[in-house]
Amino acid sequence: MTLFEKIIAREIPAEIVYEDDLCLAFKDINPQAPVHVLLIPKKPIPRVGEAETEDQALLGHLLLKAGAVADLLGVKQIDKGFRLAINHGEHGGETVPHLHIHLLAGRPLAWPPG
């Protein structure tokens, strides 16, 4: 069972900012920006590159909810904005083998990222 599955099961505490029947959003414990939330599917998918065709609706749901969470946190306005990042594999920065979207905001974000 991954760390994120334990959070979903409430075996590990997390500061949850949004939840529905398909996903959960919570504050990152090692934030890289003033606003840093992880949005995860409740269905365990190891990483985005391993999602299946049957996961298409869930993937779309995650992106729509990322926008809703950004709105909830007050960073959706175009003059503020946010970044979404999905890591895949070791070189992509993946540390937990459970698909998750990083929502980062609250400061200007440089490009290209590190």
N, C-alpha and C. Protein backbone atom coordinates (compact mmCIF):
# COMPACT_ATOMS: atom_id res chain seq x y z
N MET A 1 0.84 -1.18 0.00
CA MET A 1 0.00 0.00 0.00
C MET A 1 0.89 1.24 0.00
N THR A 2 0.61 2.18 -0.91
CA THR A 2 1.43 3.39 -1.00
C THR A 2 1.04 4.39 0.09
N LEU A 3 1.90 5.36 0.28
CA LEU A 3 1.65 6.45 1.22
C LEU A 3 0.31 7.12 0.91
N PHE A 4 0.02 7.34 -0.37
CA PHE A 4 -1.22 8.02 -0.74
C PHE A 4 -2.44 7.14 -0.48
N GLU A 5 -2.31 5.85 -0.67
CA GLU A 5 -3.43 4.95 -0.35
C GLU A 5 -3.70 4.97 1.15
N LYS A 6 -2.67 5.12 1.95
CA LYS A 6 -2.85 5.22 3.40
C LYS A 6 -3.53 6.53 3.78
N ILE A 7 -3.24 7.60 3.04
CA ILE A 7 -3.92 8.88 3.28
C ILE A 7 -5.40 8.74 2.91
N ILE A 8 -5.68 8.12 1.76
CA ILE A 8 -7.07 7.90 1.34
C ILE A 8 -7.82 7.09 2.40
N ALA A 9 -7.17 6.08 2.95
CA ALA A 9 -7.78 5.21 3.96
C ALA A 9 -7.78 5.85 5.36
N ARG A 10 -7.24 7.05 5.48
CA ARG A 10 -7.16 7.79 6.74
C ARG A 10 -6.27 7.09 7.76
N GLU A 11 -5.30 6.31 7.27
CA GLU A 11 -4.32 5.69 8.15
C GLU A 11 -3.19 6.65 8.46
N ILE A 12 -2.99 7.64 7.58
CA ILE A 12 -1.99 8.69 7.76
C ILE A 12 -2.73 10.02 7.64
N PRO A 13 -2.49 10.95 8.57
CA PRO A 13 -3.20 12.22 8.50
C PRO A 13 -2.68 13.10 7.35
N ALA A 14 -3.58 13.91 6.83
CA ALA A 14 -3.23 14.89 5.79
C ALA A 14 -4.19 16.06 5.93
N GLU A 15 -3.74 17.23 5.50
CA GLU A 15 -4.60 18.41 5.52
C GLU A 15 -5.39 18.44 4.21
N ILE A 16 -6.55 17.84 4.23
CA ILE A 16 -7.38 17.68 3.04
C ILE A 16 -8.10 18.99 2.73
N VAL A 17 -8.02 19.40 1.45
CA VAL A 17 -8.70 20.62 1.01
C VAL A 17 -9.90 20.33 0.11
N TYR A 18 -9.96 19.11 -0.44
CA TYR A 18 -11.08 18.73 -1.31
C TYR A 18 -11.16 17.20 -1.36
N GLU A 19 -12.39 16.70 -1.45
CA GLU A 19 -12.58 15.26 -1.63
C GLU A 19 -13.92 15.02 -2.31
N ASP A 20 -13.94 14.04 -3.23
CA ASP A 20 -15.18 13.53 -3.78
C ASP A 20 -15.02 12.02 -3.91
N ASP A 21 -15.93 11.37 -4.59
CA ASP A 21 -15.87 9.91 -4.67
C ASP A 21 -14.72 9.38 -5.51
N LEU A 22 -14.11 10.23 -6.36
CA LEU A 22 -13.03 9.79 -7.25
C LEU A 22 -11.64 10.28 -6.88
N CYS A 23 -11.56 11.39 -6.14
CA CYS A 23 -10.24 11.97 -5.87
C CYS A 23 -10.17 12.67 -4.52
N LEU A 24 -8.95 13.01 -4.17
CA LEU A 24 -8.66 13.66 -2.90
C LEU A 24 -7.57 14.70 -3.17
N ALA A 25 -7.69 15.87 -2.56
CA ALA A 25 -6.65 16.90 -2.67
C ALA A 25 -6.22 17.29 -1.26
N PHE A 26 -4.91 17.36 -1.06
CA PHE A 26 -4.38 17.69 0.26
C PHE A 26 -3.09 18.48 0.12
N LYS A 27 -2.74 19.22 1.17
CA LYS A 27 -1.54 20.05 1.16
C LYS A 27 -0.30 19.17 1.21
N ASP A 28 0.69 19.54 0.39
CA ASP A 28 1.96 18.81 0.36
C ASP A 28 2.71 19.07 1.66
N ILE A 29 3.33 18.04 2.22
CA ILE A 29 4.07 18.21 3.48
C ILE A 29 5.43 18.87 3.28
N ASN A 30 5.87 18.98 2.03
CA ASN A 30 7.14 19.65 1.71
C ASN A 30 6.87 20.66 0.59
N PRO A 31 6.13 21.73 0.90
CA PRO A 31 5.68 22.65 -0.15
C PRO A 31 6.83 23.35 -0.88
N GLN A 32 6.66 23.46 -2.20
CA GLN A 32 7.64 24.13 -3.05
C GLN A 32 7.14 25.51 -3.48
N ALA A 33 5.98 25.90 -2.99
CA ALA A 33 5.39 27.21 -3.25
C ALA A 33 4.43 27.49 -2.10
N PRO A 34 4.03 28.75 -1.93
CA PRO A 34 3.08 29.06 -0.84
C PRO A 34 1.81 28.21 -0.89
N VAL A 35 1.34 27.91 -2.09
CA VAL A 35 0.23 26.97 -2.26
C VAL A 35 0.81 25.75 -2.99
N HIS A 36 0.75 24.59 -2.35
CA HIS A 36 1.23 23.35 -2.96
C HIS A 36 0.32 22.23 -2.49
N VAL A 37 -0.56 21.82 -3.39
CA VAL A 37 -1.55 20.80 -3.10
C VAL A 37 -1.33 19.62 -4.04
N LEU A 38 -1.54 18.43 -3.55
CA LEU A 38 -1.49 17.22 -4.37
C LEU A 38 -2.91 16.75 -4.60
N LEU A 39 -3.24 16.46 -5.84
CA LEU A 39 -4.55 15.93 -6.21
C LEU A 39 -4.32 14.51 -6.70
N ILE A 40 -4.97 13.55 -6.04
CA ILE A 40 -4.74 12.14 -6.36
C ILE A 40 -6.04 11.42 -6.66
N PRO A 41 -6.00 10.45 -7.57
CA PRO A 41 -7.19 9.62 -7.76
C PRO A 41 -7.27 8.61 -6.62
N LYS A 42 -8.48 8.25 -6.23
CA LYS A 42 -8.64 7.21 -5.22
C LYS A 42 -8.32 5.84 -5.80
N LYS A 43 -8.50 5.69 -7.11
CA LYS A 43 -8.09 4.46 -7.77
C LYS A 43 -6.57 4.46 -7.86
N PRO A 44 -5.90 3.42 -7.40
CA PRO A 44 -4.43 3.41 -7.48
C PRO A 44 -3.93 3.19 -8.91
N ILE A 45 -3.38 4.24 -9.49
CA ILE A 45 -2.71 4.18 -10.80
C ILE A 45 -1.27 4.58 -10.49
N PRO A 46 -0.30 3.73 -10.77
CA PRO A 46 1.08 4.03 -10.36
C PRO A 46 1.63 5.35 -10.89
N ARG A 47 1.37 5.64 -12.15
CA ARG A 47 1.90 6.88 -12.75
C ARG A 47 1.12 7.15 -14.02
N VAL A 48 1.19 8.37 -14.51
CA VAL A 48 0.37 8.77 -15.65
C VAL A 48 0.63 7.90 -16.88
N GLY A 49 1.86 7.51 -17.10
CA GLY A 49 2.20 6.69 -18.25
C GLY A 49 1.69 5.26 -18.17
N GLU A 50 1.12 4.89 -17.03
CA GLU A 50 0.56 3.55 -16.87
C GLU A 50 -0.97 3.58 -16.80
N ALA A 51 -1.55 4.75 -17.00
CA ALA A 51 -3.01 4.84 -17.04
C ALA A 51 -3.50 4.10 -18.28
N GLU A 52 -4.68 3.53 -18.18
CA GLU A 52 -5.28 2.76 -19.27
C GLU A 52 -6.39 3.57 -19.93
N THR A 53 -6.83 3.12 -21.08
CA THR A 53 -7.94 3.77 -21.78
C THR A 53 -9.14 3.90 -20.87
N GLU A 54 -9.39 2.91 -20.04
CA GLU A 54 -10.53 2.94 -19.12
C GLU A 54 -10.41 4.06 -18.08
N ASP A 55 -9.22 4.64 -17.92
CA ASP A 55 -8.99 5.72 -16.95
C ASP A 55 -9.21 7.11 -17.55
N GLN A 56 -9.59 7.18 -18.81
CA GLN A 56 -9.72 8.46 -19.49
C GLN A 56 -10.65 9.43 -18.75
N ALA A 57 -11.81 8.99 -18.35
CA ALA A 57 -12.76 9.87 -17.65
C ALA A 57 -12.18 10.32 -16.30
N LEU A 58 -11.51 9.42 -15.60
CA LEU A 58 -10.90 9.78 -14.32
C LEU A 58 -9.81 10.82 -14.50
N LEU A 59 -8.99 10.68 -15.54
CA LEU A 59 -7.93 11.66 -15.80
C LEU A 59 -8.53 13.03 -16.09
N GLY A 60 -9.59 13.07 -16.88
CA GLY A 60 -10.27 14.33 -17.14
C GLY A 60 -10.87 14.92 -15.88
N HIS A 61 -11.43 14.06 -15.05
CA HIS A 61 -11.99 14.50 -13.77
C HIS A 61 -10.92 15.17 -12.91
N LEU A 62 -9.74 14.57 -12.85
CA LEU A 62 -8.64 15.14 -12.06
C LEU A 62 -8.29 16.55 -12.54
N LEU A 63 -8.21 16.74 -13.85
CA LEU A 63 -7.87 18.08 -14.37
C LEU A 63 -8.97 19.09 -14.07
N LEU A 64 -10.22 18.69 -14.23
CA LEU A 64 -11.32 19.61 -13.90
C LEU A 64 -11.31 19.96 -12.42
N LYS A 65 -11.07 18.99 -11.58
CA LYS A 65 -11.03 19.25 -10.14
C LYS A 65 -9.82 20.07 -9.74
N ALA A 66 -8.72 19.97 -10.48
CA ALA A 66 -7.56 20.82 -10.21
C ALA A 66 -7.96 22.29 -10.37
N GLY A 67 -8.71 22.60 -11.41
CA GLY A 67 -9.19 23.96 -11.60
C GLY A 67 -10.13 24.39 -10.48
N ALA A 68 -10.99 23.47 -10.05
CA ALA A 68 -11.92 23.77 -8.95
C ALA A 68 -11.17 24.00 -7.64
N VAL A 69 -10.15 23.21 -7.38
CA VAL A 69 -9.35 23.37 -6.16
C VAL A 69 -8.59 24.69 -6.22
N ALA A 70 -8.05 25.04 -7.39
CA ALA A 70 -7.37 26.33 -7.54
C ALA A 70 -8.33 27.47 -7.23
N ASP A 71 -9.56 27.36 -7.69
CA ASP A 71 -10.58 28.38 -7.40
C ASP A 71 -10.86 28.42 -5.90
N LEU A 72 -11.03 27.25 -5.29
CA LEU A 72 -11.29 27.15 -3.86
C LEU A 72 -10.17 27.81 -3.05
N LEU A 73 -8.94 27.69 -3.51
CA LEU A 73 -7.78 28.24 -2.80
C LEU A 73 -7.47 29.69 -3.19
N GLY A 74 -8.26 30.25 -4.10
CA GLY A 74 -8.11 31.66 -4.47
C GLY A 74 -6.98 31.97 -5.41
N VAL A 75 -6.55 31.00 -6.22
CA VAL A 75 -5.43 31.23 -7.14
C VAL A 75 -5.79 31.00 -8.60
N LYS A 76 -7.07 30.85 -8.90
CA LYS A 76 -7.49 30.57 -10.27
C LYS A 76 -7.49 31.81 -11.16
N GLN A 77 -7.63 32.99 -10.56
CA GLN A 77 -7.69 34.21 -11.36
C GLN A 77 -6.45 34.32 -12.25
N ILE A 78 -6.67 34.82 -13.45
CA ILE A 78 -5.60 34.90 -14.44
C ILE A 78 -4.44 35.80 -13.98
N ASP A 79 -4.73 36.80 -13.14
CA ASP A 79 -3.64 37.67 -12.65
C ASP A 79 -2.83 36.99 -11.55
N LYS A 80 -3.29 35.86 -11.06
CA LYS A 80 -2.53 35.07 -10.09
C LYS A 80 -2.02 33.83 -10.80
N GLY A 81 -2.88 32.87 -11.00
CA GLY A 81 -2.51 31.68 -11.76
C GLY A 81 -1.88 30.58 -10.92
N PHE A 82 -1.70 29.45 -11.59
CA PHE A 82 -1.16 28.26 -10.93
C PHE A 82 -0.49 27.38 -11.97
N ARG A 83 0.26 26.43 -11.50
CA ARG A 83 0.91 25.44 -12.37
C ARG A 83 0.50 24.06 -11.92
N LEU A 84 0.28 23.18 -12.90
CA LEU A 84 0.04 21.77 -12.63
C LEU A 84 1.25 20.99 -13.13
N ALA A 85 1.71 20.04 -12.34
CA ALA A 85 2.84 19.20 -12.74
C ALA A 85 2.52 17.75 -12.38
N ILE A 86 2.85 16.86 -13.32
CA ILE A 86 2.71 15.42 -13.09
C ILE A 86 4.07 14.79 -13.36
N ASN A 87 4.63 14.14 -12.37
CA ASN A 87 5.94 13.51 -12.51
C ASN A 87 5.77 12.03 -12.87
N HIS A 88 6.67 11.54 -13.72
CA HIS A 88 6.64 10.13 -14.12
C HIS A 88 8.06 9.59 -14.06
N GLY A 89 8.29 8.64 -13.19
CA GLY A 89 9.60 7.99 -13.10
C GLY A 89 10.62 8.79 -12.33
N GLU A 90 11.73 8.14 -12.07
CA GLU A 90 12.80 8.72 -11.25
C GLU A 90 13.32 10.04 -11.82
N HIS A 91 13.63 10.07 -13.11
CA HIS A 91 14.17 11.29 -13.72
C HIS A 91 13.12 12.38 -13.83
N GLY A 92 11.85 12.00 -13.80
CA GLY A 92 10.78 12.98 -13.82
C GLY A 92 10.47 13.56 -12.45
N GLY A 93 11.12 13.04 -11.42
CA GLY A 93 10.93 13.55 -10.07
C GLY A 93 9.90 12.79 -9.25
N GLU A 94 9.43 11.65 -9.74
CA GLU A 94 8.43 10.87 -9.02
C GLU A 94 9.03 10.29 -7.73
N THR A 95 8.32 10.48 -6.63
CA THR A 95 8.77 9.91 -5.36
C THR A 95 7.76 8.96 -4.74
N VAL A 96 6.50 9.05 -5.16
CA VAL A 96 5.45 8.14 -4.68
C VAL A 96 4.81 7.48 -5.90
N PRO A 97 4.81 6.15 -5.98
CA PRO A 97 4.24 5.48 -7.15
C PRO A 97 2.71 5.41 -7.12
N HIS A 98 2.11 6.59 -7.13
CA HIS A 98 0.65 6.73 -7.19
C HIS A 98 0.43 8.05 -7.94
N LEU A 99 -0.23 7.99 -9.08
CA LEU A 99 -0.46 9.18 -9.89
C LEU A 99 -0.91 10.34 -9.02
N HIS A 100 -0.27 11.49 -9.20
CA HIS A 100 -0.69 12.69 -8.47
C HIS A 100 -0.33 13.93 -9.28
N ILE A 101 -1.16 14.93 -9.12
CA ILE A 101 -0.96 16.22 -9.78
C ILE A 101 -0.55 17.22 -8.71
N HIS A 102 0.57 17.89 -8.94
CA HIS A 102 0.99 18.98 -8.06
C HIS A 102 0.31 20.25 -8.55
N LEU A 103 -0.35 20.96 -7.67
CA LEU A 103 -0.90 22.28 -7.96
C LEU A 103 -0.06 23.26 -7.16
N LEU A 104 0.67 24.11 -7.88
CA LEU A 104 1.59 25.07 -7.26
C LEU A 104 1.13 26.48 -7.60
N ALA A 105 1.17 27.36 -6.59
CA ALA A 105 0.74 28.74 -6.81
C ALA A 105 1.21 29.60 -5.64
N GLY A 106 0.86 30.88 -5.71
CA GLY A 106 1.15 31.79 -4.61
C GLY A 106 2.41 32.60 -4.78
N ARG A 107 3.11 32.38 -5.88
CA ARG A 107 4.31 33.17 -6.22
C ARG A 107 4.55 33.02 -7.70
N PRO A 108 5.32 33.92 -8.32
CA PRO A 108 5.66 33.71 -9.73
C PRO A 108 6.49 32.43 -9.87
N LEU A 109 6.16 31.63 -10.86
CA LEU A 109 6.85 30.36 -11.09
C LEU A 109 7.69 30.48 -12.35
N ALA A 110 8.97 30.24 -12.24
CA ALA A 110 9.91 30.40 -13.36
C ALA A 110 9.73 29.28 -14.38
N TRP A 111 10.17 29.55 -15.60
CA TRP A 111 10.21 28.54 -16.65
C TRP A 111 11.54 28.62 -17.35
N PRO A 112 12.22 27.55 -17.62
CA PRO A 112 11.79 26.17 -17.35
C PRO A 112 11.98 25.84 -15.86
N PRO A 113 11.16 24.89 -15.38
CA PRO A 113 11.33 24.44 -14.00
C PRO A 113 12.64 23.66 -13.87
N GLY A 114 13.10 23.48 -12.62
CA GLY A 114 14.35 22.78 -12.34
C GLY A 114 14.30 21.42 -12.85
